[in-house]
């Protein structure tokens, strides 16, 4: 149980720091100072994706979290990789991180924080699911059959 708690803490702190770096890099050219006119004009997806690169940085976040989950699952989580340990590693850091993002600066740009909270939770759960799923498949000789 202690090693699982250490794995959860590593997953949270490293995942959260990766997310903050990716989020800041994707929004470095953004000017969201006037939120009331955010949806007043139709935006083209090509312009938004080219200007903010959010999709690119979210994919980087998911890949880095998958690598982190694979490494943590290999070296820290106890060897019989059970569903309880997988769910605990995926659920707790994503829920805590989403809650922290929502609570920090909620009065300043609440819509952006709401979307950012969902992006962290979904990205973390997807990345750690891929990483731990790959590890589970490798430990059970899934690819050798």
Protein backbone atom coordinates (compact mmCIF):
# COMPACT_ATOMS: atom_id res chain seq x y z
CA UNK A 1 0.00 0.00 0.00
CA UNK A 2 2.87 2.35 0.75
CA UNK A 3 4.47 1.84 -2.66
CA UNK A 4 1.13 2.51 -4.33
CA UNK A 5 0.82 5.80 -2.44
CA UNK A 6 4.32 6.76 -3.57
CA UNK A 7 3.34 5.88 -7.15
CA UNK A 8 0.20 8.02 -6.87
CA UNK A 9 2.23 10.95 -5.53
CA UNK A 10 4.81 10.63 -8.33
CA UNK A 11 2.05 10.38 -10.90
CA UNK A 12 0.30 13.46 -9.56
CA UNK A 13 3.29 15.76 -9.12
CA UNK A 14 5.09 14.82 -12.33
CA UNK A 15 1.86 14.69 -14.36
CA UNK A 16 0.71 18.03 -13.01
CA UNK A 17 4.05 19.71 -13.73
CA UNK A 18 4.09 18.30 -17.28
CA UNK A 19 0.55 19.57 -17.79
CA UNK A 20 1.36 23.06 -16.53
CA UNK A 21 4.33 23.31 -18.90
CA UNK A 22 2.28 22.06 -21.86
CA UNK A 23 -0.63 24.36 -21.02
CA UNK A 24 1.60 27.42 -20.75
CA UNK A 25 3.35 26.59 -24.01
CA UNK A 26 0.03 26.13 -25.82
CA UNK A 27 -1.44 29.40 -24.53
CA UNK A 28 1.64 31.61 -24.82
CA UNK A 29 0.12 33.65 -27.69
CA UNK A 30 -3.38 33.82 -26.19
CA UNK A 31 -5.08 36.99 -25.11
CA UNK A 32 -8.05 36.02 -22.97
CA UNK A 33 -8.30 39.28 -21.12
CA UNK A 34 -11.76 40.02 -22.50
CA UNK A 35 -13.84 36.88 -21.89
CA UNK A 36 -17.22 38.39 -22.78
CA UNK A 37 -16.38 38.50 -26.51
CA UNK A 38 -14.90 35.01 -26.58
CA UNK A 39 -17.67 33.50 -28.69
CA UNK A 40 -18.94 36.58 -30.51
CA UNK A 41 -17.31 35.66 -33.81
CA UNK A 42 -16.92 32.37 -35.58
CA UNK A 43 -13.43 30.98 -35.30
CA UNK A 44 -11.80 28.69 -37.82
CA UNK A 45 -10.30 25.52 -36.41
CA UNK A 46 -7.17 25.84 -38.55
CA UNK A 47 -6.41 29.30 -37.17
CA UNK A 48 -6.94 28.24 -33.56
CA UNK A 49 -4.87 25.08 -33.88
CA UNK A 50 -2.09 26.95 -35.66
CA UNK A 51 -2.08 29.82 -33.17
CA UNK A 52 -2.41 27.92 -29.89
CA UNK A 53 -1.12 24.38 -30.71
CA UNK A 54 -3.30 22.96 -27.94
CA UNK A 55 -3.84 19.62 -29.67
CA UNK A 56 -0.11 19.16 -30.21
CA UNK A 57 0.71 19.91 -26.59
CA UNK A 58 -2.12 17.69 -25.30
CA UNK A 59 -0.74 14.80 -27.36
CA UNK A 60 2.72 15.49 -25.92
CA UNK A 61 1.16 15.46 -22.44
CA UNK A 62 -0.61 12.14 -23.07
CA UNK A 63 2.55 10.51 -24.45
CA UNK A 64 4.70 11.72 -21.54
CA UNK A 65 2.13 10.54 -18.99
CA UNK A 66 1.97 7.15 -20.74
CA UNK A 67 5.75 6.84 -20.48
CA UNK A 68 5.59 7.92 -16.82
CA UNK A 69 2.87 5.35 -16.07
CA UNK A 70 4.87 2.60 -17.77
CA UNK A 71 8.00 3.46 -15.75
CA UNK A 72 6.11 3.85 -12.47
CA UNK A 73 4.21 0.63 -13.11
CA UNK A 74 7.42 -1.22 -13.87
CA UNK A 75 9.52 -0.04 -10.94
CA UNK A 76 7.23 1.22 -8.16
CA UNK A 77 3.76 -0.36 -8.23
CA UNK A 78 3.88 -3.85 -6.67
CA UNK A 79 4.34 -6.62 -9.21
CA UNK A 80 0.99 -8.30 -9.31
CA UNK A 81 -0.53 -5.39 -11.24
CA UNK A 82 -4.14 -5.53 -10.09
CA UNK A 83 -7.14 -3.61 -11.30
CA UNK A 84 -7.34 -1.82 -7.92
CA UNK A 85 -3.81 -0.47 -8.27
CA UNK A 86 -4.41 0.57 -11.88
CA UNK A 87 -7.63 2.39 -11.00
CA UNK A 88 -6.04 4.03 -7.95
CA UNK A 89 -3.07 5.24 -10.01
CA UNK A 90 -5.36 6.58 -12.75
CA UNK A 91 -8.20 8.03 -10.70
CA UNK A 92 -6.67 9.75 -7.68
CA UNK A 93 -4.09 11.98 -9.43
CA UNK A 94 -6.54 12.97 -12.17
CA UNK A 95 -9.29 13.85 -9.67
CA UNK A 96 -6.96 15.74 -7.33
CA UNK A 97 -5.31 17.60 -10.23
CA UNK A 98 -8.65 18.57 -11.75
CA UNK A 99 -9.89 19.82 -8.40
CA UNK A 100 -6.72 21.85 -7.80
CA UNK A 101 -7.01 23.46 -11.24
CA UNK A 102 -10.65 24.34 -10.55
CA UNK A 103 -9.93 25.81 -7.13
CA UNK A 104 -6.90 27.89 -8.09
CA UNK A 105 -7.92 31.22 -9.54
CA UNK A 106 -11.56 30.20 -10.07
CA UNK A 107 -12.64 33.84 -10.15
CA UNK A 108 -10.06 34.64 -12.82
CA UNK A 109 -11.13 33.16 -16.17
CA UNK A 110 -13.44 30.41 -14.88
CA UNK A 111 -14.26 29.03 -18.33
CA UNK A 112 -10.60 28.49 -19.17
CA UNK A 113 -9.99 26.81 -15.80
CA UNK A 114 -13.03 24.58 -16.31
CA UNK A 115 -11.80 23.41 -19.72
CA UNK A 116 -8.25 23.08 -18.40
CA UNK A 117 -9.49 20.92 -15.54
CA UNK A 118 -11.20 18.51 -17.92
CA UNK A 119 -8.18 18.44 -20.21
CA UNK A 120 -5.89 17.48 -17.33
CA UNK A 121 -8.20 14.76 -16.06
CA UNK A 122 -8.89 13.27 -19.47
CA UNK A 123 -5.29 13.50 -20.62
CA UNK A 124 -3.91 11.98 -17.44
CA UNK A 125 -6.39 9.10 -17.43
CA UNK A 126 -5.81 8.41 -21.13
CA UNK A 127 -2.03 8.49 -20.86
CA UNK A 128 -1.84 6.40 -17.71
CA UNK A 129 -4.38 3.97 -19.15
CA UNK A 130 -2.22 3.47 -22.24
CA UNK A 131 0.97 3.10 -20.21
CA UNK A 132 -0.41 0.70 -17.61
CA UNK A 133 -2.41 -1.19 -20.23
CA UNK A 134 0.75 -1.77 -22.26
CA UNK A 135 2.58 -2.89 -19.13
CA UNK A 136 -0.26 -5.24 -18.19
CA UNK A 137 -0.29 -6.72 -21.69
CA UNK A 138 3.48 -7.23 -21.63
CA UNK A 139 3.43 -8.85 -18.16
CA UNK A 140 0.70 -11.30 -19.22
CA UNK A 141 2.35 -12.19 -22.55
CA UNK A 142 -0.53 -10.69 -24.49
CA UNK A 143 1.64 -10.02 -27.54
CA UNK A 144 3.28 -13.46 -27.57
CA UNK A 145 0.10 -15.45 -28.31
